C-alpha cells in the first residue's frame, strides 16, 4: 500500500514539473479577473507595483533571462520545487510532533 501511495506522489510531482516547466508558457496572457474589472471600471492606472516586483522571479519569469519560454519554464520549476520542499518540511515536522505526543 505504501508503494502505491509513493508512486502516486511521485507521478503527481512529475506531472506538476511538466505542467510548470513546459506548459506554463502557454497559459493565458489575458488579464485575470481583478485586473479585468480594474481595466473596465477605469482604476487600473492607480494600481501600484508589488513590493516584490523587482525580485528575480517577478512577473512569472526570471529577470535577466532573455528567452521568454525558458524564463517562464524555469520559474515554474523553481516554484514547484520550492512548494515541494516547504510541504515536505511541514509534513515532516507535523509527523515528528505527532509521534512525540
N, C-alpha and C. Protein backbone atom coordinates (compact mmCIF):
# COMPACT_ATOMS: atom_id res chain seq x y z
N UNK A 1 0.82 -1.20 0.00
CA UNK A 1 0.00 0.00 0.00
C UNK A 1 0.87 1.27 0.00
N UNK A 2 1.95 1.27 0.80
CA UNK A 2 2.82 2.45 0.85
C UNK A 2 3.50 2.71 -0.50
N UNK A 3 3.83 1.62 -1.21
CA UNK A 3 4.47 1.80 -2.52
C UNK A 3 3.52 2.48 -3.50
N UNK A 4 2.23 2.12 -3.44
CA UNK A 4 1.25 2.74 -4.34
C UNK A 4 1.10 4.22 -4.03
N UNK A 5 1.09 4.56 -2.76
CA UNK A 5 0.96 5.96 -2.36
C UNK A 5 2.21 6.73 -2.80
N UNK A 6 3.38 6.13 -2.61
CA UNK A 6 4.63 6.76 -3.03
C UNK A 6 4.67 6.97 -4.53
N UNK A 7 4.21 6.00 -5.27
CA UNK A 7 4.17 6.14 -6.74
C UNK A 7 3.21 7.24 -7.16
N UNK A 8 2.07 7.31 -6.45
CA UNK A 8 1.09 8.35 -6.75
C UNK A 8 1.72 9.73 -6.55
N UNK A 9 2.38 9.94 -5.41
CA UNK A 9 3.01 11.23 -5.13
C UNK A 9 4.11 11.53 -6.14
N UNK A 10 4.87 10.54 -6.50
CA UNK A 10 5.93 10.73 -7.48
C UNK A 10 5.35 11.10 -8.85
N UNK A 11 4.28 10.42 -9.25
CA UNK A 11 3.64 10.73 -10.53
C UNK A 11 3.03 12.13 -10.51
N UNK A 12 2.41 12.48 -9.39
CA UNK A 12 1.83 13.81 -9.26
C UNK A 12 2.91 14.89 -9.32
N UNK A 13 4.03 14.64 -8.65
CA UNK A 13 5.15 15.58 -8.65
C UNK A 13 5.71 15.72 -10.06
N UNK A 14 5.88 14.61 -10.76
CA UNK A 14 6.39 14.65 -12.14
C UNK A 14 5.43 15.41 -13.05
N UNK A 15 4.14 15.18 -12.89
CA UNK A 15 3.15 15.90 -13.70
C UNK A 15 3.20 17.40 -13.40
N UNK A 16 3.39 17.75 -12.14
CA UNK A 16 3.50 19.16 -11.76
C UNK A 16 4.71 19.81 -12.41
N UNK A 17 5.82 19.08 -12.44
CA UNK A 17 7.03 19.60 -13.08
C UNK A 17 6.82 19.82 -14.57
N UNK A 18 6.12 18.90 -15.22
CA UNK A 18 5.86 19.02 -16.66
C UNK A 18 4.95 20.22 -16.92
N UNK A 19 3.89 20.34 -16.13
CA UNK A 19 2.96 21.46 -16.33
C UNK A 19 3.67 22.79 -16.08
N UNK A 20 4.40 22.87 -14.97
CA UNK A 20 5.07 24.13 -14.62
C UNK A 20 6.21 24.45 -15.57
N UNK A 21 6.96 23.44 -15.96
CA UNK A 21 8.14 23.68 -16.79
C UNK A 21 7.86 23.81 -18.27
N UNK A 22 6.91 23.07 -18.77
CA UNK A 22 6.69 23.05 -20.22
C UNK A 22 5.39 23.72 -20.65
N UNK A 23 4.33 23.51 -19.90
CA UNK A 23 3.04 24.02 -20.35
C UNK A 23 2.70 25.41 -19.83
N UNK A 24 3.39 25.88 -18.80
CA UNK A 24 3.06 27.18 -18.23
C UNK A 24 3.28 28.32 -19.23
N UNK A 25 4.16 28.14 -20.17
CA UNK A 25 4.41 29.17 -21.18
C UNK A 25 3.15 29.44 -22.01
N UNK A 26 2.29 28.44 -22.13
CA UNK A 26 1.10 28.57 -22.96
C UNK A 26 -0.12 29.05 -22.17
N UNK A 27 0.05 29.44 -20.91
CA UNK A 27 -1.05 29.96 -20.12
C UNK A 27 -1.57 31.26 -20.74
N UNK A 28 -2.77 31.60 -20.42
CA UNK A 28 -3.40 32.78 -21.00
C UNK A 28 -2.63 34.05 -20.65
N UNK A 29 -2.46 34.90 -21.64
CA UNK A 29 -1.81 36.19 -21.41
C UNK A 29 -2.84 37.27 -21.14
N UNK A 30 -4.12 36.91 -21.14
CA UNK A 30 -5.18 37.87 -20.84
C UNK A 30 -5.16 38.19 -19.35
N UNK A 31 -5.62 39.39 -18.98
CA UNK A 31 -5.59 39.76 -17.56
C UNK A 31 -6.51 38.88 -16.73
N UNK A 32 -6.16 38.73 -15.44
CA UNK A 32 -7.01 37.95 -14.54
C UNK A 32 -8.27 38.76 -14.21
N UNK A 33 -9.15 38.19 -13.43
CA UNK A 33 -10.45 38.81 -13.14
C UNK A 33 -10.34 40.19 -12.52
N UNK A 34 -9.51 40.32 -11.49
CA UNK A 34 -9.38 41.60 -10.80
C UNK A 34 -8.80 42.67 -11.73
N UNK A 35 -7.81 42.29 -12.50
CA UNK A 35 -7.20 43.24 -13.43
C UNK A 35 -8.20 43.65 -14.51
N UNK A 36 -9.01 42.71 -14.96
CA UNK A 36 -10.02 42.99 -16.00
C UNK A 36 -11.06 43.97 -15.47
N UNK A 37 -11.52 43.77 -14.23
CA UNK A 37 -12.51 44.67 -13.64
C UNK A 37 -11.90 46.06 -13.46
N UNK A 38 -10.65 46.11 -12.98
CA UNK A 38 -9.98 47.40 -12.79
C UNK A 38 -9.85 48.13 -14.13
N UNK A 39 -9.59 47.38 -15.18
CA UNK A 39 -9.49 47.97 -16.52
C UNK A 39 -10.85 48.48 -16.99
N UNK A 40 -11.90 47.66 -16.80
CA UNK A 40 -13.25 48.03 -17.24
C UNK A 40 -13.80 49.23 -16.47
N UNK A 41 -13.57 49.26 -15.16
CA UNK A 41 -14.11 50.33 -14.32
C UNK A 41 -13.28 51.60 -14.45
N UNK A 42 -12.00 51.44 -14.77
CA UNK A 42 -11.17 52.60 -15.03
C UNK A 42 -10.23 52.99 -13.92
N UNK A 43 -9.90 52.08 -13.02
CA UNK A 43 -8.95 52.43 -11.97
C UNK A 43 -7.66 51.62 -12.05
N UNK A 44 -7.40 51.02 -13.18
CA UNK A 44 -6.18 50.24 -13.36
C UNK A 44 -4.94 51.13 -13.27
N UNK A 45 -5.05 52.36 -13.72
CA UNK A 45 -3.91 53.27 -13.70
C UNK A 45 -3.45 53.61 -12.29
N UNK A 46 -4.33 53.46 -11.30
CA UNK A 46 -3.98 53.80 -9.91
C UNK A 46 -3.27 52.65 -9.20
N UNK A 47 -3.16 51.53 -9.85
CA UNK A 47 -2.50 50.37 -9.24
C UNK A 47 -1.03 50.64 -9.01
N UNK A 48 -0.50 50.11 -7.92
CA UNK A 48 0.92 50.27 -7.60
C UNK A 48 1.61 48.93 -7.78
N UNK A 49 2.90 48.98 -8.08
CA UNK A 49 3.67 47.75 -8.19
C UNK A 49 3.77 47.06 -6.84
N UNK A 50 3.86 45.76 -6.89
CA UNK A 50 4.03 44.97 -5.67
C UNK A 50 5.39 45.28 -5.05
N UNK A 51 5.51 45.02 -3.76
CA UNK A 51 6.79 45.27 -3.09
C UNK A 51 7.87 44.30 -3.55
N UNK A 52 7.48 43.22 -4.20
CA UNK A 52 8.45 42.24 -4.70
C UNK A 52 8.56 42.30 -6.23
N UNK A 53 8.10 43.39 -6.83
CA UNK A 53 8.10 43.47 -8.29
C UNK A 53 9.50 43.48 -8.88
N UNK A 54 10.51 43.80 -8.10
CA UNK A 54 11.88 43.80 -8.60
C UNK A 54 12.63 42.53 -8.28
N UNK A 55 11.93 41.54 -7.73
CA UNK A 55 12.61 40.29 -7.35
C UNK A 55 12.97 39.47 -8.59
N UNK A 56 13.90 38.52 -8.44
CA UNK A 56 14.34 37.73 -9.60
C UNK A 56 13.23 36.90 -10.25
N UNK A 57 12.18 36.55 -9.51
CA UNK A 57 11.11 35.72 -10.08
C UNK A 57 9.80 36.50 -10.27
N UNK A 58 9.88 37.81 -10.34
CA UNK A 58 8.67 38.62 -10.50
C UNK A 58 8.06 38.43 -11.89
N UNK A 59 6.77 38.57 -11.96
CA UNK A 59 6.03 38.55 -13.23
C UNK A 59 6.16 37.23 -13.98
N UNK A 60 6.15 36.13 -13.25
CA UNK A 60 6.14 34.77 -13.82
C UNK A 60 7.33 34.47 -14.72
N UNK A 61 8.47 35.01 -14.40
CA UNK A 61 9.66 34.75 -15.18
C UNK A 61 10.91 35.03 -14.36
N UNK A 62 12.05 34.77 -14.95
CA UNK A 62 13.33 35.02 -14.29
C UNK A 62 13.93 36.26 -14.93
N UNK A 63 14.16 37.28 -14.10
CA UNK A 63 14.68 38.52 -14.65
C UNK A 63 16.10 38.31 -15.19
N UNK A 64 16.38 38.95 -16.28
CA UNK A 64 17.69 38.85 -16.90
C UNK A 64 17.82 37.73 -17.91
N UNK A 65 16.87 36.84 -17.96
CA UNK A 65 16.89 35.72 -18.91
C UNK A 65 16.10 36.15 -20.14
N UNK A 66 16.76 36.26 -21.27
CA UNK A 66 16.15 36.81 -22.48
C UNK A 66 15.13 35.87 -23.13
N UNK A 67 15.36 34.57 -23.09
CA UNK A 67 14.46 33.60 -23.70
C UNK A 67 13.20 33.48 -22.85
N UNK A 68 12.07 33.98 -23.36
CA UNK A 68 10.83 34.01 -22.58
C UNK A 68 10.35 32.60 -22.21
N UNK A 69 10.44 31.68 -23.13
CA UNK A 69 9.98 30.31 -22.87
C UNK A 69 10.80 29.68 -21.75
N UNK A 70 12.11 29.84 -21.80
CA UNK A 70 13.00 29.30 -20.77
C UNK A 70 12.77 30.01 -19.43
N UNK A 71 12.59 31.31 -19.47
CA UNK A 71 12.37 32.09 -18.26
C UNK A 71 11.12 31.65 -17.52
N UNK A 72 10.02 31.51 -18.24
CA UNK A 72 8.76 31.09 -17.63
C UNK A 72 8.85 29.64 -17.15
N UNK A 73 9.45 28.78 -17.95
CA UNK A 73 9.58 27.38 -17.58
C UNK A 73 10.42 27.18 -16.33
N UNK A 74 11.56 27.85 -16.28
CA UNK A 74 12.42 27.72 -15.10
C UNK A 74 11.78 28.30 -13.85
N UNK A 75 11.08 29.41 -13.99
CA UNK A 75 10.41 29.97 -12.81
C UNK A 75 9.31 29.04 -12.33
N UNK A 76 8.63 28.38 -13.25
CA UNK A 76 7.62 27.39 -12.86
C UNK A 76 8.24 26.21 -12.12
N UNK A 77 9.38 25.72 -12.63
CA UNK A 77 10.07 24.62 -11.97
C UNK A 77 10.55 25.02 -10.57
N UNK A 78 11.08 26.22 -10.45
CA UNK A 78 11.54 26.71 -9.15
C UNK A 78 10.36 26.80 -8.18
N UNK A 79 9.22 27.25 -8.67
CA UNK A 79 8.03 27.35 -7.84
C UNK A 79 7.55 25.99 -7.34
N UNK A 80 7.53 25.00 -8.24
CA UNK A 80 7.11 23.66 -7.85
C UNK A 80 8.09 23.07 -6.84
N UNK A 81 9.37 23.22 -7.09
CA UNK A 81 10.38 22.67 -6.17
C UNK A 81 10.31 23.36 -4.81
N UNK A 82 10.16 24.67 -4.79
CA UNK A 82 10.06 25.39 -3.51
C UNK A 82 8.82 24.96 -2.74
N UNK A 83 7.71 24.80 -3.44
CA UNK A 83 6.47 24.35 -2.79
C UNK A 83 6.63 22.94 -2.25
N UNK A 84 7.29 22.07 -3.00
CA UNK A 84 7.51 20.69 -2.55
C UNK A 84 8.39 20.65 -1.30
N UNK A 85 9.42 21.46 -1.26
CA UNK A 85 10.32 21.50 -0.10
C UNK A 85 9.56 21.99 1.13
N UNK A 86 8.80 23.07 0.98
CA UNK A 86 8.03 23.59 2.12
C UNK A 86 7.00 22.57 2.59
N UNK A 87 6.29 21.93 1.66
CA UNK A 87 5.30 20.92 2.03
C UNK A 87 5.96 19.75 2.75
N UNK A 88 7.10 19.30 2.25
CA UNK A 88 7.81 18.19 2.88
C UNK A 88 8.19 18.55 4.32
N UNK A 89 8.72 19.76 4.50
CA UNK A 89 9.13 20.18 5.84
C UNK A 89 7.94 20.29 6.78
N UNK A 90 6.84 20.84 6.31
CA UNK A 90 5.65 20.96 7.15
C UNK A 90 5.15 19.58 7.56
N UNK A 91 5.08 18.65 6.61
CA UNK A 91 4.59 17.31 6.93
C UNK A 91 5.57 16.55 7.82
N UNK A 92 6.87 16.73 7.61
CA UNK A 92 7.86 16.05 8.44
C UNK A 92 7.80 16.56 9.88
N UNK A 93 7.68 17.87 10.03
CA UNK A 93 7.56 18.44 11.38
C UNK A 93 6.27 18.00 12.04
N UNK A 94 5.19 17.99 11.28
CA UNK A 94 3.89 17.54 11.81
C UNK A 94 3.96 16.09 12.26
N UNK A 95 4.59 15.25 11.46
CA UNK A 95 4.72 13.83 11.81
C UNK A 95 5.57 13.67 13.06
N UNK A 96 6.64 14.40 13.14
CA UNK A 96 7.52 14.33 14.32
C UNK A 96 6.78 14.78 15.56
N UNK A 97 5.99 15.84 15.46
CA UNK A 97 5.23 16.33 16.61
C UNK A 97 4.16 15.33 17.04
N UNK A 98 3.54 14.67 16.07
CA UNK A 98 2.52 13.66 16.39
C UNK A 98 3.14 12.47 17.11
N UNK A 99 4.32 12.06 16.67
CA UNK A 99 4.99 10.91 17.28
C UNK A 99 5.46 11.22 18.70
N UNK A 100 5.81 12.47 18.96
CA UNK A 100 6.32 12.83 20.28
C UNK A 100 5.22 12.91 21.33
N UNK A 101 3.99 12.96 20.92
CA UNK A 101 2.87 13.05 21.88
C UNK A 101 2.51 11.73 22.46
